[in-house]
Amino acid sequence: MVFNTLTKIILTPIYYIVHHNYLFGLIHKFFIKNFYYKNLMFELKIKNIPIQNYSSFLFKTYEYNDKKLIEKHITTKNRSIILGGGIGFIPVLVYKNSRNKMLVFEINKKIIKNLKNNLIYNKTNFKIFTNNLVYKKTKNKYFFFSNDFLSTSSKIQTKKKALVQNLEKNKIKNFNKFNTLILDIEGDEDYYILNIHKFSQIKYLFFELHFNIINKDKRKTIMDILSNNGFKLKDKCFNSYYFKKG
């Protein structure tokens, strides 16, 4: 869990009964198999999904906090850059609300096929990148991988790591026409927020702030940077935030 201490105390029983339950996970994996949400369907043809995580697909609590903000605030005004494509759930919700083409970044190449299939099945308009997005030319970056596809990070070290090629934003066609940045990248959100002035076209910012990775001082700096750059907090759900510029 990536919540602060108080939230953990309140939510821990619910978390392990509903969201992260081994028994319910087994039921979903072997009897339901796909993830169904409203009129959408997502394949889960990924080898490294822990059994407990399937419980969140059964009870529709997968990416709950991000889902709530996206469904409430994304409209046709948003042209989105999404970092952390995952199974495609959040990108599909973004597209269904905005109907605008998306740029979707996912550095875990083992889940790209599943991600792409879900984006196609749910009839979205997208372009996928397997690069690490940067605002200027820098050395390529190492990322660490675990047995949980949700935990790819440059900050949570494991025995498995890979060098991911950077992609400069000015190398992406029409990049400056995209006004919305959506981040769920396991602690690497600080790079984009601390350098938000380098992404000057961004007016709408959604991000999950990982309390288990980013310390209190860095979190304060993040909030100060956003304020200094004209971003105002419009909504939040647990550790997910929605900021708007101006």
C-alpha atoms as a PDB file:
ATOM      1  CA  MET A   1       0.000   0.000   0.000  1.00  0.00           C
ATOM      2  CA  VAL A   2       1.206   3.513  -0.761  1.00  0.00           C
ATOM      3  CA  PHE A   3      -0.967   5.588   1.581  1.00  0.00           C
ATOM      4  CA  ASN A   4       0.102   7.667   4.555  1.00  0.00           C
ATOM      5  CA  THR A   5      -0.033   6.231   8.088  1.00  0.00           C
ATOM      6  CA  LEU A   6      -3.519   7.428   9.064  1.00  0.00           C
ATOM      7  CA  THR A   7      -5.078   6.214   5.830  1.00  0.00           C
ATOM      8  CA  LYS A   8      -3.364   2.841   6.243  1.00  0.00           C
ATOM      9  CA  ILE A   9      -4.893   2.366   9.698  1.00  0.00           C
ATOM     10  CA  ILE A  10      -8.379   3.114   8.407  1.00  0.00           C
ATOM     11  CA  LEU A  11      -8.192   1.168   5.151  1.00  0.00           C
ATOM     12  CA  THR A  12      -6.021  -1.840   6.017  1.00  0.00           C
ATOM     13  CA  PRO A  13      -8.934  -4.186   6.928  1.00  0.00           C
ATOM     14  CA  ILE A  14     -10.850  -3.249   3.762  1.00  0.00           C
ATOM     15  CA  TYR A  15      -7.685  -3.515   1.702  1.00  0.00           C
ATOM     16  CA  TYR A  16      -6.975  -7.104   2.695  1.00  0.00           C
ATOM     17  CA  ILE A  17     -10.596  -8.297   2.706  1.00  0.00           C
ATOM     18  CA  VAL A  18     -11.633  -6.818  -0.645  1.00  0.00           C
ATOM     19  CA  HIS A  19      -8.771  -5.354  -2.648  1.00  0.00           C
ATOM     20  CA  HIS A  20      -5.893  -7.742  -1.893  1.00  0.00           C
ATOM     21  CA  ASN A  21      -7.458 -11.066  -0.958  1.00  0.00           C
ATOM     22  CA  TYR A  22      -5.883 -14.383  -1.961  1.00  0.00           C
ATOM     23  CA  LEU A  23      -9.137 -16.415  -1.953  1.00  0.00           C
ATOM     24  CA  PHE A  24     -11.120 -13.915  -4.014  1.00  0.00           C
ATOM     25  CA  GLY A  25      -8.087 -13.553  -6.259  1.00  0.00           C
ATOM     26  CA  LEU A  26      -8.144 -17.279  -7.011  1.00  0.00           C
ATOM     27  CA  ILE A  27     -11.858 -17.122  -7.799  1.00  0.00           C
ATOM     28  CA  HIS A  28     -11.325 -14.319 -10.294  1.00  0.00           C
ATOM     29  CA  LYS A  29      -8.218 -15.767 -11.926  1.00  0.00           C
ATOM     30  CA  PHE A  30      -9.665 -19.203 -12.621  1.00  0.00           C
ATOM     31  CA  PHE A  31     -13.385 -18.531 -13.102  1.00  0.00           C
ATOM     32  CA  ILE A  32     -13.704 -14.977 -14.469  1.00  0.00           C
ATOM     33  CA  LYS A  33     -10.232 -14.392 -15.940  1.00  0.00           C
ATOM     34  CA  ASN A  34     -10.807 -11.004 -17.611  1.00  0.00           C
ATOM     35  CA  PHE A  35     -11.463  -7.665 -15.913  1.00  0.00           C
ATOM     36  CA  TYR A  36     -14.913  -6.256 -16.619  1.00  0.00           C
ATOM     37  CA  TYR A  37     -15.855  -2.677 -15.790  1.00  0.00           C
ATOM     38  CA  LYS A  38     -19.130  -1.175 -16.955  1.00  0.00           C
ATOM     39  CA  ASN A  39     -19.258  -1.994 -20.689  1.00  0.00           C
ATOM     40  CA  LEU A  40     -15.481  -2.436 -20.964  1.00  0.00           C
ATOM     41  CA  MET A  41     -13.361  -5.579 -20.963  1.00  0.00           C
ATOM     42  CA  PHE A  42      -9.636  -6.001 -20.273  1.00  0.00           C
ATOM     43  CA  GLU A  43      -7.571  -9.100 -20.894  1.00  0.00           C
ATOM     44  CA  LEU A  44      -5.165 -10.083 -18.133  1.00  0.00           C
ATOM     45  CA  LYS A  45      -2.732 -12.105 -20.207  1.00  0.00           C
ATOM     46  CA  ILE A  46       0.253 -11.133 -18.088  1.00  0.00           C
ATOM     47  CA  LYS A  47       2.336 -13.772 -16.327  1.00  0.00           C
ATOM     48  CA  ASN A  48       3.371 -11.825 -13.255  1.00  0.00           C
ATOM     49  CA  ILE A  49       0.103 -10.753 -11.652  1.00  0.00           C
ATOM     50  CA  PRO A  50       0.090 -11.818  -7.972  1.00  0.00           C
ATOM     51  CA  ILE A  51      -2.989 -13.880  -7.072  1.00  0.00           C
ATOM     52  CA  GLN A  52      -4.049 -11.330  -4.451  1.00  0.00           C
ATOM     53  CA  ASN A  53      -4.222  -8.572  -7.075  1.00  0.00           C
ATOM     54  CA  TYR A  54      -6.984 -10.377  -8.961  1.00  0.00           C
ATOM     55  CA  SER A  55      -9.273  -9.577  -6.047  1.00  0.00           C
ATOM     56  CA  SER A  56      -9.236  -5.913  -7.102  1.00  0.00           C
ATOM     57  CA  PHE A  57     -10.533  -6.924 -10.529  1.00  0.00           C
ATOM     58  CA  LEU A  58     -13.338  -8.927  -8.947  1.00  0.00           C
ATOM     59  CA  PHE A  59     -14.535  -6.055  -6.731  1.00  0.00           C
ATOM     60  CA  LYS A  60     -13.734  -3.265  -9.248  1.00  0.00           C
ATOM     61  CA  THR A  61     -11.295  -1.600  -6.856  1.00  0.00           C
ATOM     62  CA  TYR A  62      -8.370  -1.761  -9.290  1.00  0.00           C
ATOM     63  CA  GLU A  63      -6.861   1.755  -9.644  1.00  0.00           C
ATOM     64  CA  TYR A  64      -9.800   3.028  -7.580  1.00  0.00           C
ATOM     65  CA  ASN A  65      -8.419   6.446  -6.683  1.00  0.00           C
ATOM     66  CA  ASP A  66      -7.182   7.264 -10.200  1.00  0.00           C
ATOM     67  CA  LYS A  67     -10.424   5.973 -11.697  1.00  0.00           C
ATOM     68  CA  LYS A  68     -12.529   8.303  -9.553  1.00  0.00           C
ATOM     69  CA  LEU A  69     -10.595  11.416 -10.606  1.00  0.00           C
ATOM     70  CA  ILE A  70     -10.414  10.479 -14.279  1.00  0.00           C
ATOM     71  CA  GLU A  71     -14.110   9.718 -14.591  1.00  0.00           C
ATOM     72  CA  LYS A  72     -15.035  12.928 -12.801  1.00  0.00           C
ATOM     73  CA  HIS A  73     -12.706  15.413 -14.489  1.00  0.00           C
ATOM     74  CA  ILE A  74     -11.562  14.216 -17.925  1.00  0.00           C
ATOM     75  CA  THR A  75     -13.654  15.702 -20.755  1.00  0.00           C
ATOM     76  CA  THR A  76     -13.214  16.635 -24.411  1.00  0.00           C
ATOM     77  CA  LYS A  77     -10.925  19.481 -23.300  1.00  0.00           C
ATOM     78  CA  ASN A  78      -8.196  16.980 -22.414  1.00  0.00           C
ATOM     79  CA  ARG A  79      -5.526  15.713 -24.820  1.00  0.00           C
ATOM     80  CA  SER A  80      -3.588  13.318 -22.652  1.00  0.00           C
ATOM     81  CA  ILE A  81      -0.061  12.016 -22.157  1.00  0.00           C
ATOM     82  CA  ILE A  82      -0.279   8.942 -19.915  1.00  0.00           C
ATOM     83  CA  LEU A  83       2.796   7.551 -18.177  1.00  0.00           C
ATOM     84  CA  GLY A  84       2.186   4.052 -16.858  1.00  0.00           C
ATOM     85  CA  GLY A  85      -0.113   2.294 -19.329  1.00  0.00           C
ATOM     86  CA  GLY A  86      -0.506  -0.907 -17.288  1.00  0.00           C
ATOM     87  CA  ILE A  87      -3.327  -3.080 -18.603  1.00  0.00           C
ATOM     88  CA  GLY A  88      -4.857  -0.074 -20.360  1.00  0.00           C
ATOM     89  CA  PHE A  89      -7.606   0.575 -17.814  1.00  0.00           C
ATOM     90  CA  ILE A  90      -6.853   4.234 -17.097  1.00  0.00           C
ATOM     91  CA  PRO A  91      -6.012   5.041 -20.757  1.00  0.00           C
ATOM     92  CA  VAL A  92      -9.336   3.547 -21.864  1.00  0.00           C
ATOM     93  CA  LEU A  93     -11.270   5.595 -19.285  1.00  0.00           C
ATOM     94  CA  VAL A  94      -9.392   8.704 -20.418  1.00  0.00           C
ATOM     95  CA  TYR A  95     -10.271   8.066 -24.038  1.00  0.00           C
ATOM     96  CA  LYS A  96     -13.928   7.271 -23.372  1.00  0.00           C
ATOM     97  CA  ASN A  97     -14.304  10.633 -21.596  1.00  0.00           C
ATOM     98  CA  SER A  98     -12.172  12.754 -23.919  1.00  0.00           C
ATOM     99  CA  ARG A  99     -12.455  11.075 -27.330  1.00  0.00           C
ATOM    100  CA  ASN A 100      -9.011  12.485 -28.139  1.00  0.00           C
ATOM    101  CA  LYS A 101      -5.912  10.582 -29.237  1.00  0.00           C
ATOM    102  CA  MET A 102      -3.584   9.656 -26.357  1.00  0.00           C
ATOM    103  CA  LEU A 103       0.153   9.206 -26.001  1.00  0.00           C
ATOM    104  CA  VAL A 104       0.651   6.148 -23.749  1.00  0.00           C
ATOM    105  CA  PHE A 105       4.046   5.327 -22.200  1.00  0.00           C
ATOM    106  CA  GLU A 106       4.808   1.913 -20.727  1.00  0.00           C
ATOM    107  CA  ILE A 107       8.414   0.834 -20.130  1.00  0.00           C
ATOM    108  CA  ASN A 108       7.639  -2.782 -19.162  1.00  0.00           C
ATOM    109  CA  LYS A 109       7.866  -4.449 -22.558  1.00  0.00           C
ATOM    110  CA  LYS A 110       6.487  -7.735 -21.208  1.00  0.00           C
ATOM    111  CA  ILE A 111       3.015  -6.209 -20.849  1.00  0.00           C
ATOM    112  CA  ILE A 112       2.937  -4.154 -24.059  1.00  0.00           C
ATOM    113  CA  LYS A 113       1.062  -6.773 -26.099  1.00  0.00           C
ATOM    114  CA  ASN A 114      -1.657  -7.066 -23.452  1.00  0.00           C
ATOM    115  CA  LEU A 115      -1.863  -3.263 -23.159  1.00  0.00           C
ATOM    116  CA  LYS A 116      -2.130  -2.782 -26.916  1.00  0.00           C
ATOM    117  CA  ASN A 117      -4.786  -5.487 -27.275  1.00  0.00           C
ATOM    118  CA  ASN A 118      -6.924  -3.848 -24.582  1.00  0.00           C
ATOM    119  CA  LEU A 119      -6.627  -0.405 -26.148  1.00  0.00           C
ATOM    120  CA  ILE A 120      -7.646  -1.823 -29.530  1.00  0.00           C
ATOM    121  CA  TYR A 121     -10.480  -3.966 -28.164  1.00  0.00           C
ATOM    122  CA  ASN A 122     -11.984  -0.968 -26.362  1.00  0.00           C
ATOM    123  CA  LYS A 123     -11.732   1.123 -29.544  1.00  0.00           C
ATOM    124  CA  THR A 124      -9.389   3.900 -28.470  1.00  0.00           C
ATOM    125  CA  ASN A 125      -7.090   6.169 -30.489  1.00  0.00           C
ATOM    126  CA  PHE A 126      -3.550   5.950 -29.168  1.00  0.00           C
ATOM    127  CA  LYS A 127       0.183   5.757 -29.762  1.00  0.00           C
ATOM    128  CA  ILE A 128       2.308   3.598 -27.462  1.00  0.00           C
ATOM    129  CA  PHE A 129       5.902   4.357 -26.458  1.00  0.00           C
ATOM    130  CA  THR A 130       8.191   1.986 -24.550  1.00  0.00           C
ATOM    131  CA  ASN A 131      10.634   4.781 -23.742  1.00  0.00           C
ATOM    132  CA  ASN A 132      11.349   6.898 -20.691  1.00  0.00           C
ATOM    133  CA  LEU A 133      10.008  10.363 -21.470  1.00  0.00           C
ATOM    134  CA  VAL A 134      12.455  13.226 -20.773  1.00  0.00           C
ATOM    135  CA  TYR A 135      12.423  16.946 -21.456  1.00  0.00           C
ATOM    136  CA  LYS A 136      16.064  17.125 -22.581  1.00  0.00           C
ATOM    137  CA  LYS A 137      18.786  14.777 -23.764  1.00  0.00           C
ATOM    138  CA  THR A 138      20.151  12.770 -20.824  1.00  0.00           C
ATOM    139  CA  LYS A 139      21.684   9.361 -20.192  1.00  0.00           C
ATOM    140  CA  ASN A 140      19.345   6.409 -20.527  1.00  0.00           C
ATOM    141  CA  LYS A 141      17.881   5.266 -17.226  1.00  0.00           C
ATOM    142  CA  TYR A 142      17.774   1.954 -15.346  1.00  0.00           C
ATOM    143  CA  PHE A 143      14.421   0.668 -14.119  1.00  0.00           C
ATOM    144  CA  PHE A 144      13.801  -2.243 -11.769  1.00  0.00           C
ATOM    145  CA  PHE A 145      11.242  -4.988 -12.322  1.00  0.00           C
ATOM    146  CA  SER A 146       9.559  -7.334  -9.847  1.00  0.00           C
ATOM    147  CA  ASN A 147       7.123 -10.237  -9.931  1.00  0.00           C
ATOM    148  CA  ASP A 148       4.320  -7.651  -9.816  1.00  0.00           C
ATOM    149  CA  PHE A 149       3.841  -5.808 -13.105  1.00  0.00           C
ATOM    150  CA  LEU A 150       2.477  -2.847 -11.153  1.00  0.00           C
ATOM    151  CA  SER A 151       5.796  -2.213  -9.402  1.00  0.00           C
ATOM    152  CA  THR A 152       8.145  -1.195 -12.215  1.00  0.00           C
ATOM    153  CA  SER A 153      10.219   1.663 -10.806  1.00  0.00           C
ATOM    154  CA  SER A 154      13.616   3.328 -10.922  1.00  0.00           C
ATOM    155  CA  LYS A 155      13.510   3.760  -7.128  1.00  0.00           C
ATOM    156  CA  ILE A 156      12.335   0.403  -5.761  1.00  0.00           C
ATOM    157  CA  GLN A 157      15.407  -1.728  -6.360  1.00  0.00           C
ATOM    158  CA  THR A 158      15.189  -5.441  -7.214  1.00  0.00           C
ATOM    159  CA  LYS A 159      17.540  -7.989  -8.735  1.00  0.00           C
ATOM    160  CA  LYS A 160      15.982  -7.450 -12.150  1.00  0.00           C
ATOM    161  CA  LYS A 161      16.831  -4.237 -13.939  1.00  0.00           C
ATOM    162  CA  ALA A 162      16.960  -2.988 -17.498  1.00  0.00           C
ATOM    163  CA  LEU A 163      18.274   0.080 -19.230  1.00  0.00           C
ATOM    164  CA  VAL A 164      15.381   1.981 -20.792  1.00  0.00           C
ATOM    165  CA  GLN A 165      16.029   4.299 -23.685  1.00  0.00           C
ATOM    166  CA  ASN A 166      15.053   7.916 -23.161  1.00  0.00           C
ATOM    167  CA  LEU A 167      12.852   9.812 -25.580  1.00  0.00           C
ATOM    168  CA  GLU A 168      13.014  13.600 -25.669  1.00  0.00           C
ATOM    169  CA  LYS A 169       9.659  15.310 -25.813  1.00  0.00           C
ATOM    170  CA  ASN A 170      10.651  17.447 -28.796  1.00  0.00           C
ATOM    171  CA  LYS A 171      11.144  14.240 -30.812  1.00  0.00           C
ATOM    172  CA  ILE A 172       7.438  13.417 -30.518  1.00  0.00           C
ATOM    173  CA  LYS A 173       5.206  14.782 -33.242  1.00  0.00           C
ATOM    174  CA  ASN A 174       2.664  17.347 -32.022  1.00  0.00           C
ATOM    175  CA  PHE A 175       3.725  16.801 -28.405  1.00  0.00           C
ATOM    176  CA  ASN A 176       2.923  20.396 -27.472  1.00  0.00           C
ATOM    177  CA  LYS A 177      -0.687  19.928 -28.501  1.00  0.00           C
ATOM    178  CA  PHE A 178      -1.252  17.597 -25.558  1.00  0.00           C
ATOM    179  CA  ASN A 179      -2.394  19.593 -22.520  1.00  0.00           C
ATOM    180  CA  THR A 180      -2.888  16.864 -19.903  1.00  0.00           C
ATOM    181  CA  LEU A 181      -0.317  14.783 -18.017  1.00  0.00           C
ATOM    182  CA  ILE A 182      -1.383  11.637 -16.151  1.00  0.00           C
ATOM    183  CA  LEU A 183       1.222   9.908 -13.961  1.00  0.00           C
ATOM    184  CA  ASP A 184       1.173   6.553 -12.193  1.00  0.00           C
ATOM    185  CA  ILE A 185       4.847   5.630 -12.242  1.00  0.00           C
ATOM    186  CA  GLU A 186       5.841   4.293  -8.825  1.00  0.00           C
ATOM    187  CA  GLY A 187       7.774   7.228  -7.405  1.00  0.00           C
ATOM    188  CA  ASP A 188       9.107   8.747 -10.617  1.00  0.00           C
ATOM    189  CA  GLU A 189       6.356  11.352 -10.615  1.00  0.00           C
ATOM    190  CA  ASP A 190       8.754  13.774  -8.929  1.00  0.00           C
ATOM    191  CA  TYR A 191      10.843  14.158 -12.121  1.00  0.00           C
ATOM    192  CA  TYR A 192       7.898  15.505 -14.101  1.00  0.00           C
ATOM    193  CA  ILE A 193       6.405  17.640 -11.364  1.00  0.00           C
ATOM    194  CA  LEU A 194       9.681  19.236 -10.277  1.00  0.00           C
ATOM    195  CA  ASN A 195      10.297  20.040 -13.953  1.00  0.00           C
ATOM    196  CA  ILE A 196       6.718  20.940 -14.802  1.00  0.00           C
ATOM    197  CA  HIS A 197       7.874  24.290 -16.208  1.00  0.00           C
ATOM    198  CA  LYS A 198       9.646  22.324 -18.947  1.00  0.00           C
ATOM    199  CA  PHE A 199       6.254  20.970 -20.022  1.00  0.00           C
ATOM    200  CA  SER A 200       4.749  24.415 -20.468  1.00  0.00           C
ATOM    201  CA  GLN A 201       1.711  23.264 -22.466  1.00  0.00           C
ATOM    202  CA  ILE A 202       0.413  21.147 -19.579  1.00  0.00           C
ATOM    203  CA  LYS A 203      -2.682  22.669 -17.987  1.00  0.00           C
ATOM    204  CA  TYR A 204      -4.155  19.585 -16.336  1.00  0.00           C
ATOM    205  CA  LEU A 205      -2.162  17.257 -14.108  1.00  0.00           C
ATOM    206  CA  PHE A 206      -3.259  13.961 -12.551  1.00  0.00           C
ATOM    207  CA  PHE A 207      -0.791  11.979 -10.462  1.00  0.00           C
ATOM    208  CA  GLU A 208      -0.485   9.310  -7.812  1.00  0.00           C
ATOM    209  CA  LEU A 209       1.907  10.431  -5.077  1.00  0.00           C
ATOM    210  CA  HIS A 210       3.768   7.452  -3.632  1.00  0.00           C
ATOM    211  CA  PHE A 211       4.219   8.151   0.074  1.00  0.00           C
ATOM    212  CA  ASN A 212       6.286   4.990   0.506  1.00  0.00           C
ATOM    213  CA  ILE A 213       8.927   6.275  -1.917  1.00  0.00           C
ATOM    214  CA  ILE A 214       8.820  10.072  -1.748  1.00  0.00           C
ATOM    215  CA  ASN A 215       9.561  11.484   1.700  1.00  0.00           C
ATOM    216  CA  LYS A 216       7.766  14.292   3.486  1.00  0.00           C
ATOM    217  CA  ASP A 217      10.257  17.013   2.499  1.00  0.00           C
ATOM    218  CA  LYS A 218      10.123  16.030  -1.176  1.00  0.00           C
ATOM    219  CA  ARG A 219       6.328  15.938  -1.069  1.00  0.00           C
ATOM    220  CA  LYS A 220       6.284  19.487   0.291  1.00  0.00           C
ATOM    221  CA  THR A 221       8.674  20.582  -2.449  1.00  0.00           C
ATOM    222  CA  ILE A 222       6.392  19.016  -5.044  1.00  0.00           C
ATOM    223  CA  MET A 223       3.389  20.941  -3.741  1.00  0.00           C
ATOM    224  CA  ASP A 224       5.390  24.186  -3.590  1.00  0.00           C
ATOM    225  CA  ILE A 225       6.591  23.744  -7.172  1.00  0.00           C
ATOM    226  CA  LEU A 226       3.052  23.235  -8.392  1.00  0.00           C
ATOM    227  CA  SER A 227       1.840  26.324  -6.558  1.00  0.00           C
ATOM    228  CA  ASN A 228       4.727  28.421  -7.850  1.00  0.00           C
ATOM    229  CA  ASN A 229       3.901  27.368 -11.390  1.00  0.00           C
ATOM    230  CA  GLY A 230       0.249  28.346 -11.148  1.00  0.00           C
ATOM    231  CA  PHE A 231      -1.282  24.915 -10.478  1.00  0.00           C
ATOM    232  CA  LYS A 232      -4.158  24.678  -8.028  1.00  0.00           C
ATOM    233  CA  LEU A 233      -5.456  21.540  -6.339  1.00  0.00           C
ATOM    234  CA  LYS A 234      -8.941  20.787  -7.671  1.00  0.00           C
ATOM    235  CA  ASP A 235      -9.603  17.334  -6.284  1.00  0.00           C
ATOM    236  CA  LYS A 236      -7.968  14.327  -4.640  1.00  0.00           C
ATOM    237  CA  CYS A 237      -8.801  10.736  -3.786  1.00  0.00           C
ATOM    238  CA  PHE A 238      -6.528   9.137  -1.197  1.00  0.00           C
ATOM    239  CA  ASN A 239      -3.020   9.641  -2.633  1.00  0.00           C
ATOM    240  CA  SER A 240      -4.135  10.638  -6.141  1.00  0.00           C
ATOM    241  CA  TYR A 241      -4.358  14.304  -7.059  1.00  0.00           C
ATOM    242  CA  TYR A 242      -5.836  16.496  -9.768  1.00  0.00           C
ATOM    243  CA  PHE A 243      -4.290  19.923 -10.331  1.00  0.00           C
ATOM    244  CA  LYS A 244      -5.317  22.553 -12.876  1.00  0.00           C
ATOM    245  CA  LYS A 245      -3.203  25.477 -14.061  1.00  0.00           C
ATOM    246  CA  GLY A 246      -4.742  28.901 -13.798  1.00  0.00           C
END
